[in-house]
Every structure is written in structure tokens, then in C-alpha cells.
Amino acid sequence: MIRMMSGAFLPMGEDYTFWGKGVSQGHSDAIRRVNGVKNGIQYTVPV
């Protein structure tokens, strides 16, 4: 929503999205489904 509204307010511009640092549930779920993985967790870290 913020990306959509911000683009409407500032049509001459650039979007940037950063996530983290934190646990991504979707990415953690994905690594737990890899063959040979018993458990796991993934952190997304912005530069």
C-alpha cells in the first residue's frame, strides 16, 4: 500500500524496500522443506 500511494504522490521518483533484520517465515518454511533438513530458520539482513 505504501509503495502504491507513494508512487502516486511522487511520480518522479524511485521505490526502495528493505526487510529485516528479522526472521522470514516464508523463507524459513522453504528451507525446512529442503531434503535432509530437520529444522531451520532464516534471517533477512538489510545492507
All heavy atoms as atom14 arrays in JSON, in Angstrom:
{
  "sequence": "MIRMMSGAFLPMGEDYTFWGKGVSQGHSDAIRRVNGVKNGIQYTVPV",
  "atom14_mask": [
    [1, 1, 1, 1, 1, 1, 1, 1, 0, 0, 0, 0, 0, 0],
    [1, 1, 1, 1, 1, 1, 1, 1, 0, 0, 0, 0, 0, 0],
    [1, 1, 1, 1, 1, 1, 1, 1, 1, 1, 1, 0, 0, 0],
    [1, 1, 1, 1, 1, 1, 1, 1, 0, 0, 0, 0, 0, 0],
    [1, 1, 1, 1, 1, 1, 1, 1, 0, 0, 0, 0, 0, 0],
    [1, 1, 1, 1, 1, 1, 0, 0, 0, 0, 0, 0, 0, 0],
    [1, 1, 1, 1, 0, 0, 0, 0, 0, 0, 0, 0, 0, 0],
    [1, 1, 1, 1, 1, 0, 0, 0, 0, 0, 0, 0, 0, 0],
    [1, 1, 1, 1, 1, 1, 1, 1, 1, 1, 1, 0, 0, 0],
    [1, 1, 1, 1, 1, 1, 1, 1, 0, 0, 0, 0, 0, 0],
    [1, 1, 1, 1, 1, 1, 1, 0, 0, 0, 0, 0, 0, 0],
    [1, 1, 1, 1, 1, 1, 1, 1, 0, 0, 0, 0, 0, 0],
    [1, 1, 1, 1, 0, 0, 0, 0, 0, 0, 0, 0, 0, 0],
    [1, 1, 1, 1, 1, 1, 1, 1, 1, 0, 0, 0, 0, 0],
    [1, 1, 1, 1, 1, 1, 1, 1, 0, 0, 0, 0, 0, 0],
    [1, 1, 1, 1, 1, 1, 1, 1, 1, 1, 1, 1, 0, 0],
    [1, 1, 1, 1, 1, 1, 1, 0, 0, 0, 0, 0, 0, 0],
    [1, 1, 1, 1, 1, 1, 1, 1, 1, 1, 1, 0, 0, 0],
    [1, 1, 1, 1, 1, 1, 1, 1, 1, 1, 1, 1, 1, 1],
    [1, 1, 1, 1, 0, 0, 0, 0, 0, 0, 0, 0, 0, 0],
    [1, 1, 1, 1, 1, 1, 1, 1, 1, 0, 0, 0, 0, 0],
    [1, 1, 1, 1, 0, 0, 0, 0, 0, 0, 0, 0, 0, 0],
    [1, 1, 1, 1, 1, 1, 1, 0, 0, 0, 0, 0, 0, 0],
    [1, 1, 1, 1, 1, 1, 0, 0, 0, 0, 0, 0, 0, 0],
    [1, 1, 1, 1, 1, 1, 1, 1, 1, 0, 0, 0, 0, 0],
    [1, 1, 1, 1, 0, 0, 0, 0, 0, 0, 0, 0, 0, 0],
    [1, 1, 1, 1, 1, 1, 1, 1, 1, 1, 0, 0, 0, 0],
    [1, 1, 1, 1, 1, 1, 0, 0, 0, 0, 0, 0, 0, 0],
    [1, 1, 1, 1, 1, 1, 1, 1, 0, 0, 0, 0, 0, 0],
    [1, 1, 1, 1, 1, 0, 0, 0, 0, 0, 0, 0, 0, 0],
    [1, 1, 1, 1, 1, 1, 1, 1, 0, 0, 0, 0, 0, 0],
    [1, 1, 1, 1, 1, 1, 1, 1, 1, 1, 1, 0, 0, 0],
    [1, 1, 1, 1, 1, 1, 1, 1, 1, 1, 1, 0, 0, 0],
    [1, 1, 1, 1, 1, 1, 1, 0, 0, 0, 0, 0, 0, 0],
    [1, 1, 1, 1, 1, 1, 1, 1, 0, 0, 0, 0, 0, 0],
    [1, 1, 1, 1, 0, 0, 0, 0, 0, 0, 0, 0, 0, 0],
    [1, 1, 1, 1, 1, 1, 1, 0, 0, 0, 0, 0, 0, 0],
    [1, 1, 1, 1, 1, 1, 1, 1, 1, 0, 0, 0, 0, 0],
    [1, 1, 1, 1, 1, 1, 1, 1, 0, 0, 0, 0, 0, 0],
    [1, 1, 1, 1, 0, 0, 0, 0, 0, 0, 0, 0, 0, 0],
    [1, 1, 1, 1, 1, 1, 1, 1, 0, 0, 0, 0, 0, 0],
    [1, 1, 1, 1, 1, 1, 1, 1, 1, 0, 0, 0, 0, 0],
    [1, 1, 1, 1, 1, 1, 1, 1, 1, 1, 1, 1, 0, 0],
    [1, 1, 1, 1, 1, 1, 1, 0, 0, 0, 0, 0, 0, 0],
    [1, 1, 1, 1, 1, 1, 1, 0, 0, 0, 0, 0, 0, 0],
    [1, 1, 1, 1, 1, 1, 1, 0, 0, 0, 0, 0, 0, 0],
    [1, 1, 1, 1, 1, 1, 1, 0, 0, 0, 0, 0, 0, 0]
  ],
  "atom14_positions": [
    [[0.83, -1.2, 0.0], [0.0, 0.0, 0.0], [0.86, 1.26, 0.0], [0.59, 2.2, -0.74], [-0.91, 0.0, 1.23], [-2.0, -1.03, 1.21], [-2.82, -1.15, 2.82], [-3.35, 0.53, 3.09], [0.0, 0.0, 0.0], [0.0, 0.0, 0.0], [0.0, 0.0, 0.0], [0.0, 0.0, 0.0], [0.0, 0.0, 0.0], [0.0, 0.0, 0.0]],
    [[1.9, 1.27, 0.82], [2.78, 2.44, 0.9], [3.48, 2.67, -0.44], [3.59, 3.8, -0.91], [3.81, 2.27, 2.03], [3.11, 2.13, 3.39], [4.79, 3.45, 2.05], [2.23, 3.3, 3.76], [0.0, 0.0, 0.0], [0.0, 0.0, 0.0], [0.0, 0.0, 0.0], [0.0, 0.0, 0.0], [0.0, 0.0, 0.0], [0.0, 0.0, 0.0]],
    [[3.95, 1.57, -1.07], [4.6, 1.72, -2.37], [3.64, 2.31, -3.4], [4.01, 3.18, -4.2], [5.13, 0.36, -2.85], [6.36, -0.13, -2.1], [6.96, -1.37, -2.76], [6.16, -2.56, -2.56], [6.38, -3.48, -1.62], [7.37, -3.33, -0.76], [5.62, -4.56, -1.52], [0.0, 0.0, 0.0], [0.0, 0.0, 0.0], [0.0, 0.0, 0.0]],
    [[2.4, 1.82, -3.38], [1.42, 2.3, -4.35], [1.1, 3.78, -4.12], [1.13, 4.59, -5.05], [0.15, 1.45, -4.25], [-0.93, 1.79, -5.27], [-2.06, 3.09, -4.7], [-2.9, 2.22, -3.38], [0.0, 0.0, 0.0], [0.0, 0.0, 0.0], [0.0, 0.0, 0.0], [0.0, 0.0, 0.0], [0.0, 0.0, 0.0], [0.0, 0.0, 0.0]],
    [[0.81, 4.14, -2.87], [0.45, 5.53, -2.57], [1.63, 6.47, -2.8], [1.47, 7.55, -3.38], [-0.03, 5.64, -1.11], [-1.37, 5.01, -0.86], [-2.04, 5.41, 0.77], [-0.85, 4.61, 1.84], [0.0, 0.0, 0.0], [0.0, 0.0, 0.0], [0.0, 0.0, 0.0], [0.0, 0.0, 0.0], [0.0, 0.0, 0.0], [0.0, 0.0, 0.0]],
    [[2.82, 6.06, -2.38], [3.99, 6.92, -2.53], [4.29, 7.19, -4.0], [4.67, 8.31, -4.37], [5.21, 6.27, -1.87], [5.01, 6.09, -0.49], [0.0, 0.0, 0.0], [0.0, 0.0, 0.0], [0.0, 0.0, 0.0], [0.0, 0.0, 0.0], [0.0, 0.0, 0.0], [0.0, 0.0, 0.0], [0.0, 0.0, 0.0], [0.0, 0.0, 0.0]],
    [[4.1, 6.18, -4.82], [4.31, 6.36, -6.25], [3.31, 7.32, -6.86], [3.62, 8.07, -7.79], [0.0, 0.0, 0.0], [0.0, 0.0, 0.0], [0.0, 0.0, 0.0], [0.0, 0.0, 0.0], [0.0, 0.0, 0.0], [0.0, 0.0, 0.0], [0.0, 0.0, 0.0], [0.0, 0.0, 0.0], [0.0, 0.0, 0.0], [0.0, 0.0, 0.0]],
    [[2.08, 7.3, -6.33], [1.06, 8.22, -6.81], [1.37, 9.65, -6.38], [1.14, 10.61, -7.13], [-0.31, 7.79, -6.28], [0.0, 0.0, 0.0], [0.0, 0.0, 0.0], [0.0, 0.0, 0.0], [0.0, 0.0, 0.0], [0.0, 0.0, 0.0], [0.0, 0.0, 0.0], [0.0, 0.0, 0.0], [0.0, 0.0, 0.0], [0.0, 0.0, 0.0]],
    [[1.92, 9.81, -5.15], [2.22, 11.14, -4.63], [3.49, 11.73, -5.26], [3.58, 12.93, -5.46], [2.41, 11.09, -3.11], [1.22, 10.54, -2.36], [1.39, 9.89, -1.14], [-0.07, 10.66, -2.86], [0.31, 9.38, -0.45], [-1.16, 10.15, -2.17], [-0.97, 9.51, -0.96], [0.0, 0.0, 0.0], [0.0, 0.0, 0.0], [0.0, 0.0, 0.0]],
    [[4.46, 10.88, -5.52], [5.74, 11.32, -6.09], [6.0, 10.55, -7.39], [6.79, 9.6, -7.41], [6.88, 11.09, -5.09], [6.87, 11.9, -3.79], [7.98, 11.45, -2.86], [6.98, 13.39, -4.09], [0.0, 0.0, 0.0], [0.0, 0.0, 0.0], [0.0, 0.0, 0.0], [0.0, 0.0, 0.0], [0.0, 0.0, 0.0], [0.0, 0.0, 0.0]],
    [[5.34, 10.94, -8.47], [5.5, 10.18, -9.72], [6.92, 10.23, -10.29], [7.33, 9.31, -10.98], [4.5, 10.84, -10.66], [4.22, 12.18, -10.08], [4.35, 12.03, -8.61], [0.0, 0.0, 0.0], [0.0, 0.0, 0.0], [0.0, 0.0, 0.0], [0.0, 0.0, 0.0], [0.0, 0.0, 0.0], [0.0, 0.0, 0.0], [0.0, 0.0, 0.0]],
    [[7.66, 11.3, -9.97], [9.05, 11.38, -10.38], [9.9, 10.9, -9.22], [10.25, 11.67, -8.33], [9.43, 12.83, -10.75], [8.66, 13.38, -11.93], [9.16, 12.63, -13.49], [10.81, 13.28, -13.66], [0.0, 0.0, 0.0], [0.0, 0.0, 0.0], [0.0, 0.0, 0.0], [0.0, 0.0, 0.0], [0.0, 0.0, 0.0], [0.0, 0.0, 0.0]],
    [[10.2, 9.59, -9.19], [10.95, 9.09, -8.05], [11.28, 7.62, -8.17], [11.05, 6.98, -9.19], [0.0, 0.0, 0.0], [0.0, 0.0, 0.0], [0.0, 0.0, 0.0], [0.0, 0.0, 0.0], [0.0, 0.0, 0.0], [0.0, 0.0, 0.0], [0.0, 0.0, 0.0], [0.0, 0.0, 0.0], [0.0, 0.0, 0.0], [0.0, 0.0, 0.0]],
    [[11.82, 7.09, -7.07], [12.25, 5.7, -7.01], [11.73, 5.05, -5.73], [11.67, 5.69, -4.68], [13.79, 5.6, -7.03], [14.45, 6.13, -8.29], [14.19, 5.26, -9.51], [13.91, 4.05, -9.31], [14.27, 5.77, -10.63], [0.0, 0.0, 0.0], [0.0, 0.0, 0.0], [0.0, 0.0, 0.0], [0.0, 0.0, 0.0], [0.0, 0.0, 0.0]],
    [[11.37, 3.76, -5.83], [10.96, 2.97, -4.67], [12.14, 2.16, -4.13], [12.95, 1.63, -4.92], [9.87, 1.96, -5.05], [8.53, 2.62, -5.27], [8.2, 3.56, -4.54], [7.8, 2.17, -6.18], [0.0, 0.0, 0.0], [0.0, 0.0, 0.0], [0.0, 0.0, 0.0], [0.0, 0.0, 0.0], [0.0, 0.0, 0.0], [0.0, 0.0, 0.0]],
    [[12.19, 2.05, -2.81], [13.18, 1.17, -2.17], [12.5, 0.47, -1.01], [11.82, 1.11, -0.2], [14.36, 1.98, -1.63], [15.16, 2.71, -2.69], [14.87, 4.04, -3.0], [16.2, 2.08, -3.36], [15.6, 4.72, -3.96], [16.94, 2.75, -4.33], [16.64, 4.06, -4.62], [17.37, 4.73, -5.58], [0.0, 0.0, 0.0], [0.0, 0.0, 0.0]],
    [[12.66, -0.85, -0.94], [12.13, -1.62, 0.18], [13.26, -2.45, 0.79], [14.01, -3.11, 0.07], [11.01, -2.57, -0.29], [9.96, -1.81, -0.9], [10.42, -3.33, 0.91], [0.0, 0.0, 0.0], [0.0, 0.0, 0.0], [0.0, 0.0, 0.0], [0.0, 0.0, 0.0], [0.0, 0.0, 0.0], [0.0, 0.0, 0.0], [0.0, 0.0, 0.0]],
    [[13.35, -2.36, 2.11], [14.33, -3.16, 2.85], [13.58, -3.96, 3.92], [12.67, -3.43, 4.57], [15.37, -2.28, 3.54], [16.23, -1.48, 2.58], [15.85, -0.19, 2.21], [17.4, -2.01, 2.07], [16.63, 0.54, 1.34], [18.19, -1.28, 1.19], [17.8, 0.0, 0.82], [0.0, 0.0, 0.0], [0.0, 0.0, 0.0], [0.0, 0.0, 0.0]],
    [[13.98, -5.22, 4.11], [13.37, -6.06, 5.14], [14.41, -6.45, 6.17], [15.56, -6.75, 5.84], [12.8, -7.33, 4.51], [11.8, -7.09, 3.43], [10.49, -6.74, 3.57], [12.03, -7.18, 2.01], [9.9, -6.61, 2.33], [10.82, -6.87, 1.36], [13.16, -7.5, 1.23], [10.69, -6.87, -0.01], [13.02, -7.49, -0.15], [11.8, -7.17, -0.76]],
    [[13.98, -6.5, 7.43], [14.85, -7.01, 8.49], [15.54, -5.91, 9.27], [15.22, -4.75, 9.13], [0.0, 0.0, 0.0], [0.0, 0.0, 0.0], [0.0, 0.0, 0.0], [0.0, 0.0, 0.0], [0.0, 0.0, 0.0], [0.0, 0.0, 0.0], [0.0, 0.0, 0.0], [0.0, 0.0, 0.0], [0.0, 0.0, 0.0], [0.0, 0.0, 0.0]],
    [[16.48, -6.34, 10.14], [16.87, -7.73, 10.28], [15.76, -8.5, 11.0], [15.23, -8.03, 12.0], [18.18, -7.84, 11.07], [18.6, -9.27, 11.31], [19.9, -9.36, 12.11], [20.27, -10.83, 12.34], [21.52, -10.95, 13.12], [0.0, 0.0, 0.0], [0.0, 0.0, 0.0], [0.0, 0.0, 0.0], [0.0, 0.0, 0.0], [0.0, 0.0, 0.0]],
    [[15.47, -9.68, 10.46], [14.43, -10.45, 11.1], [14.21, -11.8, 10.45], [14.79, -12.12, 9.42], [0.0, 0.0, 0.0], [0.0, 0.0, 0.0], [0.0, 0.0, 0.0], [0.0, 0.0, 0.0], [0.0, 0.0, 0.0], [0.0, 0.0, 0.0], [0.0, 0.0, 0.0], [0.0, 0.0, 0.0], [0.0, 0.0, 0.0], [0.0, 0.0, 0.0]],
    [[13.36, -12.56, 11.1], [13.04, -13.91, 10.64], [11.95, -13.84, 9.57], [10.89, -13.28, 9.81], [12.57, -14.79, 11.82], [12.1, -16.15, 11.31], [13.67, -14.95, 12.85], [0.0, 0.0, 0.0], [0.0, 0.0, 0.0], [0.0, 0.0, 0.0], [0.0, 0.0, 0.0], [0.0, 0.0, 0.0], [0.0, 0.0, 0.0], [0.0, 0.0, 0.0]],
    [[12.23, -14.39, 8.42], [11.22, -14.51, 7.38], [10.54, -15.86, 7.51], [11.19, -16.9, 7.38], [11.85, -14.38, 5.99], [10.93, -14.78, 5.01], [0.0, 0.0, 0.0], [0.0, 0.0, 0.0], [0.0, 0.0, 0.0], [0.0, 0.0, 0.0], [0.0, 0.0, 0.0], [0.0, 0.0, 0.0], [0.0, 0.0, 0.0], [0.0, 0.0, 0.0]],
    [[9.23, -15.84, 7.78], [8.5, -17.1, 7.94], [8.48, -17.89, 6.63], [8.66, -19.11, 6.63], [7.07, -16.82, 8.39], [6.99, -16.17, 9.75], [5.6, -15.66, 10.04], [4.8, -16.36, 10.65], [5.29, -14.46, 9.61], [0.0, 0.0, 0.0], [0.0, 0.0, 0.0], [0.0, 0.0, 0.0], [0.0, 0.0, 0.0], [0.0, 0.0, 0.0]],
    [[8.25, -17.2, 5.51], [8.19, -17.89, 4.24], [9.5, -18.54, 3.85], [9.54, -19.68, 3.39], [0.0, 0.0, 0.0], [0.0, 0.0, 0.0], [0.0, 0.0, 0.0], [0.0, 0.0, 0.0], [0.0, 0.0, 0.0], [0.0, 0.0, 0.0], [0.0, 0.0, 0.0], [0.0, 0.0, 0.0], [0.0, 0.0, 0.0], [0.0, 0.0, 0.0]],
    [[10.6, -17.82, 4.05], [11.91, -18.37, 3.71], [12.33, -19.47, 4.69], [12.97, -20.44, 4.3], [12.96, -17.25, 3.7], [12.83, -16.35, 2.5], [11.84, -15.41, 2.4], [13.56, -16.27, 1.35], [11.97, -14.78, 1.24], [12.99, -15.28, 0.58], [0.0, 0.0, 0.0], [0.0, 0.0, 0.0], [0.0, 0.0, 0.0], [0.0, 0.0, 0.0]],
    [[11.95, -19.31, 5.95], [12.25, -20.37, 6.93], [11.48, -21.64, 6.59], [12.01, -22.75, 6.65], [11.89, -19.91, 8.35], [12.69, -18.8, 8.74], [0.0, 0.0, 0.0], [0.0, 0.0, 0.0], [0.0, 0.0, 0.0], [0.0, 0.0, 0.0], [0.0, 0.0, 0.0], [0.0, 0.0, 0.0], [0.0, 0.0, 0.0], [0.0, 0.0, 0.0]],
    [[10.22, -21.46, 6.2], [9.39, -22.6, 5.79], [10.01, -23.28, 4.57], [10.05, -24.51, 4.47], [7.98, -22.11, 5.47], [7.04, -23.24, 5.06], [6.82, -24.15, 5.87], [6.54, -23.21, 3.93], [0.0, 0.0, 0.0], [0.0, 0.0, 0.0], [0.0, 0.0, 0.0], [0.0, 0.0, 0.0], [0.0, 0.0, 0.0], [0.0, 0.0, 0.0]],
    [[10.53, -22.48, 3.65], [11.12, -23.03, 2.43], [12.36, -23.87, 2.73], [12.54, -24.94, 2.15], [11.46, -21.89, 1.46], [0.0, 0.0, 0.0], [0.0, 0.0, 0.0], [0.0, 0.0, 0.0], [0.0, 0.0, 0.0], [0.0, 0.0, 0.0], [0.0, 0.0, 0.0], [0.0, 0.0, 0.0], [0.0, 0.0, 0.0], [0.0, 0.0, 0.0]],
    [[13.23, -23.4, 3.64], [14.44, -24.19, 3.91], [14.1, -25.46, 4.69], [14.75, -26.48, 4.53], [15.54, -23.37, 4.63], [15.12, -22.91, 6.02], [16.01, -22.22, 3.79], [16.24, -22.24, 6.8], [0.0, 0.0, 0.0], [0.0, 0.0, 0.0], [0.0, 0.0, 0.0], [0.0, 0.0, 0.0], [0.0, 0.0, 0.0], [0.0, 0.0, 0.0]],
    [[13.04, -25.41, 5.49], [12.66, -26.62, 6.25], [12.13, -27.71, 5.34], [12.05, -28.88, 5.74], [11.63, -26.26, 7.33], [12.22, -25.51, 8.52], [11.25, -25.45, 9.68], [10.1, -24.6, 9.42], [10.02, -23.31, 9.73], [11.06, -22.7, 10.3], [8.93, -22.63, 9.47], [0.0, 0.0, 0.0], [0.0, 0.0, 0.0], [0.0, 0.0, 0.0]],
    [[11.75, -27.34, 4.12], [11.24, -28.32, 3.16], [12.34, -28.89, 2.25], [12.06, -29.74, 1.41], [10.12, -27.69, 2.32], [8.89, -27.36, 3.16], [7.86, -26.57, 2.38], [6.78, -26.12, 3.26], [5.68, -26.83, 3.52], [5.52, -28.01, 2.99], [4.75, -26.35, 4.32], [0.0, 0.0, 0.0], [0.0, 0.0, 0.0], [0.0, 0.0, 0.0]],
    [[13.56, -28.43, 2.43], [14.68, -28.95, 1.65], [15.02, -30.36, 2.14], [15.03, -30.63, 3.35], [15.91, -28.03, 1.78], [17.16, -28.68, 1.18], [15.63, -26.69, 1.09], [0.0, 0.0, 0.0], [0.0, 0.0, 0.0], [0.0, 0.0, 0.0], [0.0, 0.0, 0.0], [0.0, 0.0, 0.0], [0.0, 0.0, 0.0], [0.0, 0.0, 0.0]],
    [[15.28, -31.27, 1.22], [15.6, -32.64, 1.57], [16.82, -32.7, 2.5], [17.86, -32.13, 2.2], [15.89, -33.44, 0.29], [15.99, -34.92, 0.55], [15.23, -35.47, 1.34], [16.93, -35.58, -0.11], [0.0, 0.0, 0.0], [0.0, 0.0, 0.0], [0.0, 0.0, 0.0], [0.0, 0.0, 0.0], [0.0, 0.0, 0.0], [0.0, 0.0, 0.0]],
    [[16.66, -33.39, 3.64], [17.75, -33.53, 4.59], [17.73, -32.52, 5.72], [18.53, -32.61, 6.65], [0.0, 0.0, 0.0], [0.0, 0.0, 0.0], [0.0, 0.0, 0.0], [0.0, 0.0, 0.0], [0.0, 0.0, 0.0], [0.0, 0.0, 0.0], [0.0, 0.0, 0.0], [0.0, 0.0, 0.0], [0.0, 0.0, 0.0], [0.0, 0.0, 0.0]],
    [[16.82, -31.55, 5.66], [16.72, -30.54, 6.71], [15.69, -30.96, 7.76], [14.55, -31.26, 7.44], [16.33, -29.16, 6.12], [16.05, -28.16, 7.24], [17.43, -28.64, 5.2], [0.0, 0.0, 0.0], [0.0, 0.0, 0.0], [0.0, 0.0, 0.0], [0.0, 0.0, 0.0], [0.0, 0.0, 0.0], [0.0, 0.0, 0.0], [0.0, 0.0, 0.0]],
    [[16.13, -30.99, 9.0], [15.24, -31.34, 10.12], [14.52, -30.11, 10.65], [13.34, -30.14, 10.98], [16.05, -32.0, 11.24], [15.23, -32.48, 12.42], [16.14, -33.12, 13.47], [15.35, -33.61, 14.67], [16.24, -34.15, 15.73], [0.0, 0.0, 0.0], [0.0, 0.0, 0.0], [0.0, 0.0, 0.0], [0.0, 0.0, 0.0], [0.0, 0.0, 0.0]],
    [[15.25, -29.01, 10.74], [14.68, -27.76, 11.24], [15.56, -26.61, 10.76], [16.69, -26.83, 10.33], [14.6, -27.77, 12.77], [13.51, -26.85, 13.3], [12.99, -25.99, 12.57], [13.15, -27.0, 14.56], [0.0, 0.0, 0.0], [0.0, 0.0, 0.0], [0.0, 0.0, 0.0], [0.0, 0.0, 0.0], [0.0, 0.0, 0.0], [0.0, 0.0, 0.0]],
    [[15.03, -25.4, 10.82], [15.84, -24.29, 10.37], [15.12, -22.96, 10.46], [13.89, -22.91, 10.6], [0.0, 0.0, 0.0], [0.0, 0.0, 0.0], [0.0, 0.0, 0.0], [0.0, 0.0, 0.0], [0.0, 0.0, 0.0], [0.0, 0.0, 0.0], [0.0, 0.0, 0.0], [0.0, 0.0, 0.0], [0.0, 0.0, 0.0], [0.0, 0.0, 0.0]],
    [[15.9, -21.9, 10.39], [15.34, -20.56, 10.45], [16.19, -19.65, 9.58], [17.38, -19.89, 9.4], [15.29, -20.06, 11.92], [14.29, -18.9, 12.07], [16.68, -19.69, 12.45], [13.91, -18.63, 13.52], [0.0, 0.0, 0.0], [0.0, 0.0, 0.0], [0.0, 0.0, 0.0], [0.0, 0.0, 0.0], [0.0, 0.0, 0.0], [0.0, 0.0, 0.0]],
    [[15.56, -18.64, 8.99], [16.26, -17.74, 8.08], [16.09, -16.29, 8.48], [14.98, -15.86, 8.8], [15.75, -17.93, 6.65], [16.57, -17.24, 5.61], [16.09, -15.85, 5.17], [16.6, -15.27, 4.23], [15.1, -15.28, 5.84], [0.0, 0.0, 0.0], [0.0, 0.0, 0.0], [0.0, 0.0, 0.0], [0.0, 0.0, 0.0], [0.0, 0.0, 0.0]],
    [[17.19, -15.55, 8.5], [17.17, -14.12, 8.8], [17.44, -13.33, 7.53], [18.39, -13.62, 6.79], [18.23, -13.76, 9.84], [17.98, -14.36, 11.2], [18.47, -15.63, 11.52], [17.26, -13.67, 12.17], [18.25, -16.19, 12.77], [17.04, -14.23, 13.44], [17.53, -15.48, 13.72], [17.32, -16.03, 14.96], [0.0, 0.0, 0.0], [0.0, 0.0, 0.0]],
    [[16.61, -12.32, 7.3], [16.84, -11.37, 6.23], [17.55, -10.16, 6.82], [17.09, -9.6, 7.83], [15.51, -10.93, 5.59], [14.82, -12.09, 5.13], [15.73, -9.98, 4.44], [0.0, 0.0, 0.0], [0.0, 0.0, 0.0], [0.0, 0.0, 0.0], [0.0, 0.0, 0.0], [0.0, 0.0, 0.0], [0.0, 0.0, 0.0], [0.0, 0.0, 0.0]],
    [[18.67, -9.76, 6.23], [19.5, -8.7, 6.8], [19.7, -7.59, 5.76], [20.29, -7.82, 4.7], [20.88, -9.24, 7.22], [21.69, -8.15, 7.93], [20.73, -10.47, 8.12], [0.0, 0.0, 0.0], [0.0, 0.0, 0.0], [0.0, 0.0, 0.0], [0.0, 0.0, 0.0], [0.0, 0.0, 0.0], [0.0, 0.0, 0.0], [0.0, 0.0, 0.0]],
    [[19.19, -6.36, 6.03], [19.41, -5.27, 5.08], [20.86, -4.81, 5.12], [21.51, -4.87, 6.15], [18.47, -4.17, 5.58], [18.27, -4.46, 7.03], [18.4, -5.94, 7.2], [0.0, 0.0, 0.0], [0.0, 0.0, 0.0], [0.0, 0.0, 0.0], [0.0, 0.0, 0.0], [0.0, 0.0, 0.0], [0.0, 0.0, 0.0], [0.0, 0.0, 0.0]],
    [[21.35, -4.36, 3.98], [22.71, -3.83, 3.89], [22.68, -2.36, 4.32], [22.04, -1.53, 3.66], [23.27, -3.99, 2.46], [24.65, -3.36, 2.36], [23.3, -5.47, 2.07], [0.0, 0.0, 0.0], [0.0, 0.0, 0.0], [0.0, 0.0, 0.0], [0.0, 0.0, 0.0], [0.0, 0.0, 0.0], [0.0, 0.0, 0.0], [0.0, 0.0, 0.0]]
  ]
}
